[in-house]
Every structure is written in structure tokens, then in C-alpha cells.
PDB file of N, CA and C in Angstrom:
ATOM      1  N   MET A   1    -134.715 -71.762-122.508  1.00  0.00           N
ATOM      2  CA  MET A   1    -134.858 -71.259-121.139  1.00  0.00           C
ATOM      3  C   MET A   1    -136.013 -70.258-121.109  1.00  0.00           C
ATOM      4  N   ASN A   2    -136.496 -70.021-119.952  1.00  0.00           N
ATOM      5  CA  ASN A   2    -137.637 -69.131-119.735  1.00  0.00           C
ATOM      6  C   ASN A   2    -137.240 -67.677-119.952  1.00  0.00           C
ATOM      7  N   ASN A   3    -138.008 -66.947-120.749  1.00  0.00           N
ATOM      8  CA  ASN A   3    -137.706 -65.543-121.053  1.00  0.00           C
ATOM      9  C   ASN A   3    -137.685 -64.680-119.794  1.00  0.00           C
ATOM     10  N   VAL A   4    -138.629 -64.920-118.871  1.00  0.00           N
ATOM     11  CA  VAL A   4    -138.678 -64.151-117.621  1.00  0.00           C
ATOM     12  C   VAL A   4    -137.428 -64.446-116.795  1.00  0.00           C
ATOM     13  N   PHE A   5    -137.094 -65.721-116.665  1.00  0.00           N
ATOM     14  CA  PHE A   5    -135.890 -66.105-115.919  1.00  0.00           C
ATOM     15  C   PHE A   5    -134.654 -65.447-116.530  1.00  0.00           C
ATOM     16  N   ASP A   6    -134.528 -65.532-117.851  1.00  0.00           N
ATOM     17  CA  ASP A   6    -133.361 -64.962-118.526  1.00  0.00           C
ATOM     18  C   ASP A   6    -133.240 -63.464-118.264  1.00  0.00           C
ATOM     19  N   LYS A   7    -134.363 -62.750-118.291  1.00  0.00           N
ATOM     20  CA  LYS A   7    -134.329 -61.300-118.068  1.00  0.00           C
ATOM     21  C   LYS A   7    -133.965 -60.983-116.619  1.00  0.00           C
ATOM     22  N   ILE A   8    -134.467 -61.764-115.687  1.00  0.00           N
ATOM     23  CA  ILE A   8    -134.106 -61.560-114.277  1.00  0.00           C
ATOM     24  C   ILE A   8    -132.613 -61.789-114.095  1.00  0.00           C
ATOM     25  N   VAL A   9    -132.093 -62.862-114.679  1.00  0.00           N
ATOM     26  CA  VAL A   9    -130.648 -63.133-114.593  1.00  0.00           C
ATOM     27  C   VAL A   9    -129.871 -61.963-115.174  1.00  0.00           C
ATOM     28  N   GLU A  10    -130.297 -61.476-116.330  1.00  0.00           N
ATOM     29  CA  GLU A  10    -129.614 -60.347-116.968  1.00  0.00           C
ATOM     30  C   GLU A  10    -129.603 -59.122-116.057  1.00  0.00           C
ATOM     31  N   THR A  11    -130.716 -58.842-115.382  1.00  0.00           N
ATOM     32  CA  THR A  11    -130.759 -57.670-114.512  1.00  0.00           C
ATOM     33  C   THR A  11    -129.885 -57.856-113.279  1.00  0.00           C
ATOM     34  N   ILE A  12    -129.805 -59.086-112.766  1.00  0.00           N
ATOM     35  CA  ILE A  12    -128.922 -59.355-111.620  1.00  0.00           C
ATOM     36  C   ILE A  12    -127.465 -59.193-112.039  1.00  0.00           C
ATOM     37  N   VAL A  13    -127.116 -59.720-113.193  1.00  0.00           N
ATOM     38  CA  VAL A  13    -125.750 -59.601-113.705  1.00  0.00           C
ATOM     39  C   VAL A  13    -125.389 -58.129-113.880  1.00  0.00           C
ATOM     40  N   ASP A  14    -126.305 -57.349-114.472  1.00  0.00           N
ATOM     41  CA  ASP A  14    -126.057 -55.921-114.673  1.00  0.00           C
ATOM     42  C   ASP A  14    -125.892 -55.190-113.340  1.00  0.00           C
ATOM     43  N   ALA A  15    -126.699 -55.552-112.349  1.00  0.00           N
ATOM     44  CA  ALA A  15    -126.678 -54.851-111.070  1.00  0.00           C
ATOM     45  C   ALA A  15    -125.495 -55.249-110.190  1.00  0.00           C
ATOM     46  N   LYS A  16    -125.144 -56.537-110.217  1.00  0.00           N
ATOM     47  CA  LYS A  16    -124.171 -57.040-109.250  1.00  0.00           C
ATOM     48  C   LYS A  16    -122.881 -57.575-109.863  1.00  0.00           C
ATOM     49  N   GLY A  17    -122.827 -57.718-111.189  1.00  0.00           N
ATOM     50  CA  GLY A  17    -121.627 -58.246-111.811  1.00  0.00           C
ATOM     51  C   GLY A  17    -121.374 -59.703-111.508  1.00  0.00           C
ATOM     52  N   ILE A  18    -122.442 -60.430-111.230  1.00  0.00           N
ATOM     53  CA  ILE A  18    -122.337 -61.850-110.910  1.00  0.00           C
ATOM     54  C   ILE A  18    -122.293 -62.644-112.210  1.00  0.00           C
ATOM     55  N   ASP A  19    -121.560 -63.748-112.211  1.00  0.00           N
ATOM     56  CA  ASP A  19    -121.516 -64.632-113.365  1.00  0.00           C
ATOM     57  C   ASP A  19    -122.900 -65.255-113.568  1.00  0.00           C
ATOM     58  N   ALA A  20    -123.470 -65.069-114.749  1.00  0.00           N
ATOM     59  CA  ALA A  20    -124.815 -65.561-115.039  1.00  0.00           C
ATOM     60  C   ALA A  20    -124.926 -67.069-114.818  1.00  0.00           C
ATOM     61  N   ALA A  21    -123.870 -67.810-115.084  1.00  0.00           N
ATOM     62  CA  ALA A  21    -123.904 -69.261-114.937  1.00  0.00           C
ATOM     63  C   ALA A  21    -124.102 -69.689-113.483  1.00  0.00           C
ATOM     64  N   SER A  22    -123.792 -68.795-112.554  1.00  0.00           N
ATOM     65  CA  SER A  22    -123.925 -69.146-111.140  1.00  0.00           C
ATOM     66  C   SER A  22    -125.330 -68.877-110.604  1.00  0.00           C
ATOM     67  N   ILE A  23    -126.211 -68.302-111.424  1.00  0.00           N
ATOM     68  CA  ILE A  23    -127.562 -67.964-110.982  1.00  0.00           C
ATOM     69  C   ILE A  23    -128.518 -69.047-111.466  1.00  0.00           C
ATOM     70  N   THR A  24    -129.206 -69.672-110.512  1.00  0.00           N
ATOM     71  CA  THR A  24    -130.183 -70.713-110.827  1.00  0.00           C
ATOM     72  C   THR A  24    -131.552 -70.268-110.326  1.00  0.00           C
ATOM     73  N   PRO A  25    -132.608 -70.958-110.751  1.00  0.00           N
ATOM     74  CA  PRO A  25    -133.933 -70.606-110.213  1.00  0.00           C
ATOM     75  C   PRO A  25    -133.986 -70.692-108.685  1.00  0.00           C
ATOM     76  N   GLU A  26    -133.197 -71.585-108.111  1.00  0.00           N
ATOM     77  CA  GLU A  26    -133.199 -71.773-106.663  1.00  0.00           C
ATOM     78  C   GLU A  26    -132.334 -70.756-105.920  1.00  0.00           C
ATOM     79  N   SER A  27    -131.577 -69.943-106.644  1.00  0.00           N
ATOM     80  CA  SER A  27    -130.708 -68.942-106.006  1.00  0.00           C
ATOM     81  C   SER A  27    -131.557 -67.964-105.207  1.00  0.00           C
ATOM     82  N   SER A  28    -131.154 -67.742-103.963  1.00  0.00           N
ATOM     83  CA  SER A  28    -131.865 -66.742-103.159  1.00  0.00           C
ATOM     84  C   SER A  28    -131.188 -65.392-103.373  1.00  0.00           C
ATOM     85  N   PHE A  29    -131.997 -64.342-103.273  1.00  0.00           N
ATOM     86  CA  PHE A  29    -131.439 -63.002-103.428  1.00  0.00           C
ATOM     87  C   PHE A  29    -130.416 -62.728-102.339  1.00  0.00           C
ATOM     88  N   LYS A  30    -130.644 -63.264-101.159  1.00  0.00           N
ATOM     89  CA  LYS A  30    -129.690 -63.089-100.053  1.00  0.00           C
ATOM     90  C   LYS A  30    -128.335 -63.707-100.412  1.00  0.00           C
ATOM     91  N   ASP A  31    -128.361 -64.933-100.940  1.00  0.00           N
ATOM     92  CA  ASP A  31    -127.112 -65.606-101.321  1.00  0.00           C
ATOM     93  C   ASP A  31    -126.385 -64.873-102.445  1.00  0.00           C
ATOM     94  N   LEU A  32    -127.155 -64.177-103.298  1.00  0.00           N
ATOM     95  CA  LEU A  32    -126.566 -63.418-104.400  1.00  0.00           C
ATOM     96  C   LEU A  32    -126.144 -62.012-103.979  1.00  0.00           C
ATOM     97  N   ASN A  33    -126.320 -61.697-102.689  1.00  0.00           N
ATOM     98  CA  ASN A  33    -126.018 -60.364-102.152  1.00  0.00           C
ATOM     99  C   ASN A  33    -126.819 -59.270-102.852  1.00  0.00           C
ATOM    100  N   VAL A  34    -128.063 -59.598-103.195  1.00  0.00           N
ATOM    101  CA  VAL A  34    -128.978 -58.629-103.790  1.00  0.00           C
ATOM    102  C   VAL A  34    -129.804 -58.055-102.651  1.00  0.00           C
ATOM    103  N   ASP A  35    -129.623 -56.758-102.387  1.00  0.00           N
ATOM    104  CA  ASP A  35    -130.338 -56.137-101.274  1.00  0.00           C
ATOM    105  C   ASP A  35    -131.638 -55.490-101.750  1.00  0.00           C
ATOM    106  N   SER A  36    -132.357 -54.883-100.821  1.00  0.00           N
ATOM    107  CA  SER A  36    -133.676 -54.326-101.150  1.00  0.00           C
ATOM    108  C   SER A  36    -133.590 -53.215-102.195  1.00  0.00           C
ATOM    109  N   LEU A  37    -132.536 -52.422-102.180  1.00  0.00           N
ATOM    110  CA  LEU A  37    -132.363 -51.377-103.187  1.00  0.00           C
ATOM    111  C   LEU A  37    -132.128 -52.006-104.567  1.00  0.00           C
ATOM    112  N   ASP A  38    -131.287 -53.035-104.610  1.00  0.00           N
ATOM    113  CA  ASP A  38    -131.058 -53.747-105.872  1.00  0.00           C
ATOM    114  C   ASP A  38    -132.369 -54.319-106.403  1.00  0.00           C
ATOM    115  N   ILE A  39    -133.160 -54.906-105.513  1.00  0.00           N
ATOM    116  CA  ILE A  39    -134.429 -55.504-105.926  1.00  0.00           C
ATOM    117  C   ILE A  39    -135.368 -54.429-106.460  1.00  0.00           C
ATOM    118  N   ALA A  40    -135.429 -53.291-105.800  1.00  0.00           N
ATOM    119  CA  ALA A  40    -136.295 -52.198-106.268  1.00  0.00           C
ATOM    120  C   ALA A  40    -135.887 -51.758-107.678  1.00  0.00           C
ATOM    121  N   GLU A  41    -134.596 -51.629-107.918  1.00  0.00           N
ATOM    122  CA  GLU A  41    -134.107 -51.243-109.251  1.00  0.00           C
ATOM    123  C   GLU A  41    -134.414 -52.330-110.284  1.00  0.00           C
ATOM    124  N   MET A  42    -134.240 -53.580-109.889  1.00  0.00           N
ATOM    125  CA  MET A  42    -134.543 -54.687-110.789  1.00  0.00           C
ATOM    126  C   MET A  42    -136.028 -54.696-111.143  1.00  0.00           C
ATOM    127  N   VAL A  43    -136.872 -54.473-110.155  1.00  0.00           N
ATOM    128  CA  VAL A  43    -138.320 -54.473-110.391  1.00  0.00           C
ATOM    129  C   VAL A  43    -138.693 -53.396-111.398  1.00  0.00           C
ATOM    130  N   MET A  44    -138.111 -52.208-111.280  1.00  0.00           N
ATOM    131  CA  MET A  44    -138.401 -51.145-112.243  1.00  0.00           C
ATOM    132  C   MET A  44    -137.999 -51.569-113.658  1.00  0.00           C
ATOM    133  N   THR A  45    -136.834 -52.178-113.787  1.00  0.00           N
ATOM    134  CA  THR A  45    -136.368 -52.663-115.087  1.00  0.00           C
ATOM    135  C   THR A  45    -137.313 -53.726-115.634  1.00  0.00           C
ATOM    136  N   LEU A  46    -137.702 -54.666-114.784  1.00  0.00           N
ATOM    137  CA  LEU A  46    -138.576 -55.757-115.220  1.00  0.00           C
ATOM    138  C   LEU A  46    -139.978 -55.256-115.555  1.00  0.00           C
ATOM    139  N   GLU A  47    -140.459 -54.265-114.827  1.00  0.00           N
ATOM    140  CA  GLU A  47    -141.761 -53.671-115.150  1.00  0.00           C
ATOM    141  C   GLU A  47    -141.736 -53.072-116.549  1.00  0.00           C
ATOM    142  N   ASP A  48    -140.663 -52.354-116.865  1.00  0.00           N
ATOM    143  CA  ASP A  48    -140.519 -51.770-118.201  1.00  0.00           C
ATOM    144  C   ASP A  48    -140.431 -52.864-119.261  1.00  0.00           C
ATOM    145  N   GLU A  49    -139.654 -53.889-118.978  1.00  0.00           N
ATOM    146  CA  GLU A  49    -139.440 -54.979-119.933  1.00  0.00           C
ATOM    147  C   GLU A  49    -140.732 -55.725-120.272  1.00  0.00           C
ATOM    148  N   PHE A  50    -141.521 -56.009-119.243  1.00  0.00           N
ATOM    149  CA  PHE A  50    -142.701 -56.854-119.435  1.00  0.00           C
ATOM    150  C   PHE A  50    -144.016 -56.080-119.464  1.00  0.00           C
ATOM    151  N   GLY A  51    -143.962 -54.759-119.256  1.00  0.00           N
ATOM    152  CA  GLY A  51    -145.169 -53.954-119.312  1.00  0.00           C
ATOM    153  C   GLY A  51    -146.162 -54.295-118.221  1.00  0.00           C
ATOM    154  N   VAL A  52    -145.656 -54.582-117.034  1.00  0.00           N
ATOM    155  CA  VAL A  52    -146.511 -54.939-115.898  1.00  0.00           C
ATOM    156  C   VAL A  52    -146.146 -54.080-114.699  1.00  0.00           C
ATOM    157  N   THR A  53    -147.025 -54.082-113.710  1.00  0.00           N
ATOM    158  CA  THR A  53    -146.722 -53.458-112.429  1.00  0.00           C
ATOM    159  C   THR A  53    -146.508 -54.584-111.430  1.00  0.00           C
ATOM    160  N   ILE A  54    -145.344 -54.593-110.817  1.00  0.00           N
ATOM    161  CA  ILE A  54    -144.979 -55.674-109.897  1.00  0.00           C
ATOM    162  C   ILE A  54    -145.104 -55.171-108.468  1.00  0.00           C
ATOM    163  N   GLU A  55    -145.989 -55.804-107.720  1.00  0.00           N
ATOM    164  CA  GLU A  55    -146.100 -55.551-106.284  1.00  0.00           C
ATOM    165  C   GLU A  55    -145.385 -56.703-105.601  1.00  0.00           C
ATOM    166  N   LEU A  56    -144.208 -56.433-105.071  1.00  0.00           N
ATOM    167  CA  LEU A  56    -143.453 -57.507-104.427  1.00  0.00           C
ATOM    168  C   LEU A  56    -144.213 -58.014-103.217  1.00  0.00           C
ATOM    169  N   GLU A  57    -144.305 -59.311-103.148  1.00  0.00           N
ATOM    170  CA  GLU A  57    -144.992 -59.960-102.042  1.00  0.00           C
ATOM    171  C   GLU A  57    -143.963 -60.501-101.073  1.00  0.00           C
ATOM    172  N   GLU A  58    -144.397 -60.655 -99.822  1.00  0.00           N
ATOM    173  CA  GLU A  58    -143.530 -61.351 -98.888  1.00  0.00           C
ATOM    174  C   GLU A  58    -143.356 -62.762 -99.392  1.00  0.00           C
ATOM    175  N   GLY A  59    -142.221 -63.317 -99.171  1.00  0.00           N
ATOM    176  CA  GLY A  59    -141.981 -64.676 -99.616  1.00  0.00           C
ATOM    177  C   GLY A  59    -141.291 -64.750-100.963  1.00  0.00           C
ATOM    178  N   VAL A  60    -141.026 -63.604-101.598  1.00  0.00           N
ATOM    179  CA  VAL A  60    -140.261 -63.604-102.844  1.00  0.00           C
ATOM    180  C   VAL A  60    -138.789 -63.558-102.427  1.00  0.00           C
ATOM    181  N   ALA A  61    -138.228 -64.764-102.278  1.00  0.00           N
ATOM    182  CA  ALA A  61    -136.866 -64.867-101.758  1.00  0.00           C
ATOM    183  C   ALA A  61    -135.880 -65.432-102.762  1.00  0.00           C
ATOM    184  N   THR A  62    -136.416 -66.106-103.786  1.00  0.00           N
ATOM    185  CA  THR A  62    -135.534 -66.726-104.775  1.00  0.00           C
ATOM    186  C   THR A  62    -135.847 -66.177-106.164  1.00  0.00           C
ATOM    187  N   VAL A  63    -134.949 -66.457-107.079  1.00  0.00           N
ATOM    188  CA  VAL A  63    -135.158 -66.053-108.472  1.00  0.00           C
ATOM    189  C   VAL A  63    -136.451 -66.683-108.994  1.00  0.00           C
ATOM    190  N   GLN A  64    -136.678 -67.957-108.675  1.00  0.00           N
ATOM    191  CA  GLN A  64    -137.894 -68.628-109.150  1.00  0.00           C
ATOM    192  C   GLN A  64    -139.150 -67.997-108.561  1.00  0.00           C
ATOM    193  N   ASP A  65    -139.099 -67.550-107.303  1.00  0.00           N
ATOM    194  CA  ASP A  65    -140.245 -66.857-106.712  1.00  0.00           C
ATOM    195  C   ASP A  65    -140.608 -65.627-107.541  1.00  0.00           C
ATOM    196  N   LEU A  66    -139.601 -64.885-107.971  1.00  0.00           N
ATOM    197  CA  LEU A  66    -139.838 -63.688-108.769  1.00  0.00           C
ATOM    198  C   LEU A  66    -140.353 -64.050-110.159  1.00  0.00           C
ATOM    199  N   VAL A  67    -139.809 -65.111-110.751  1.00  0.00           N
ATOM    200  CA  VAL A  67    -140.312 -65.594-112.045  1.00  0.00           C
ATOM    201  C   VAL A  67    -141.799 -65.925-111.924  1.00  0.00           C
ATOM    202  N   ASN A  68    -142.154 -66.684-110.887  1.00  0.00           N
ATOM    203  CA  ASN A  68    -143.548 -67.090-110.693  1.00  0.00           C
ATOM    204  C   ASN A  68    -144.456 -65.881-110.531  1.00  0.00           C
ATOM    205  N   LEU A  69    -144.010 -64.893-109.771  1.00  0.00           N
ATOM    206  CA  LEU A  69    -144.805 -63.691-109.539  1.00  0.00           C
ATOM    207  C   LEU A  69    -145.043 -62.949-110.856  1.00  0.00           C
ATOM    208  N   ILE A  70    -143.996 -62.745-111.623  1.00  0.00           N
ATOM    209  CA  ILE A  70    -144.131 -62.001-112.888  1.00  0.00           C
ATOM    210  C   ILE A  70    -145.016 -62.777-113.863  1.00  0.00           C
ATOM    211  N   GLU A  71    -144.832 -64.088-113.943  1.00  0.00           N
ATOM    212  CA  GLU A  71    -145.659 -64.875-114.858  1.00  0.00           C
ATOM    213  C   GLU A  71    -147.128 -64.835-114.455  1.00  0.00           C
ATOM    214  N   ARG A  72    -147.406 -64.821-113.162  1.00  0.00           N
ATOM    215  CA  ARG A  72    -148.780 -64.735-112.673  1.00  0.00           C
ATOM    216  C   ARG A  72    -149.379 -63.365-113.043  1.00  0.00           C
ATOM    217  N   ILE A  73    -148.594 -62.308-112.900  1.00  0.00           N
ATOM    218  CA  ILE A  73    -149.068 -60.955-113.238  1.00  0.00           C
ATOM    219  C   ILE A  73    -149.313 -60.838-114.739  1.00  0.00           C
ATOM    220  N   LYS A  74    -148.398 -61.393-115.520  1.00  0.00           N
ATOM    221  CA  LYS A  74    -148.521 -61.318-116.977  1.00  0.00           C
ATOM    222  C   LYS A  74    -149.741 -62.078-117.483  1.00  0.00           C
ATOM    223  N   GLY A  75    -150.134 -63.110-116.721  1.00  0.00           N
ATOM    224  CA  GLY A  75    -151.278 -63.928-117.124  1.00  0.00           C
ATOM    225  C   GLY A  75    -150.854 -64.914-118.107  1.00  0.00           C
TER     226      GLY A  75
END
């Protein structure tokens, strides 16, 4: 599995207590009940993990959207 995806899942599980098996790349943050504060906290964790600065863009609505954004930033 993708390291970025796995880390995002881990941060969602830590933040929301959701079963990791229920999180797919197509899962929307809205469906996972991840709000803007949760996302801000997740972004800080992911920035530390990957050594990048993440500027959230409009249209980052799913787990895969966030994976794509981080992978693009990482190069």
C-alpha cells in the first residue's frame, strides 16, 4: 500500500477513532466526519511526517485528493 495513504489513514484513525479498514482512497472527509479542525491537525502531523509544507487546495475532498497533493509536493 502507499506510504502516504497509510499515514493519512493512521492520522484519521488517531483523530476520529474510525476503523482503518473502512477508510478507502475514495472516502470523503465529510463522510468520515472529519471537520476543518481535524484536517488542520492532520496536516500538521503529515507535514512533520513527510517534511513538507502543505497548502490545502480547494477540491481536496477525499483521502486520495490529499494523497495526490502530498505526493505532488514531495516531488
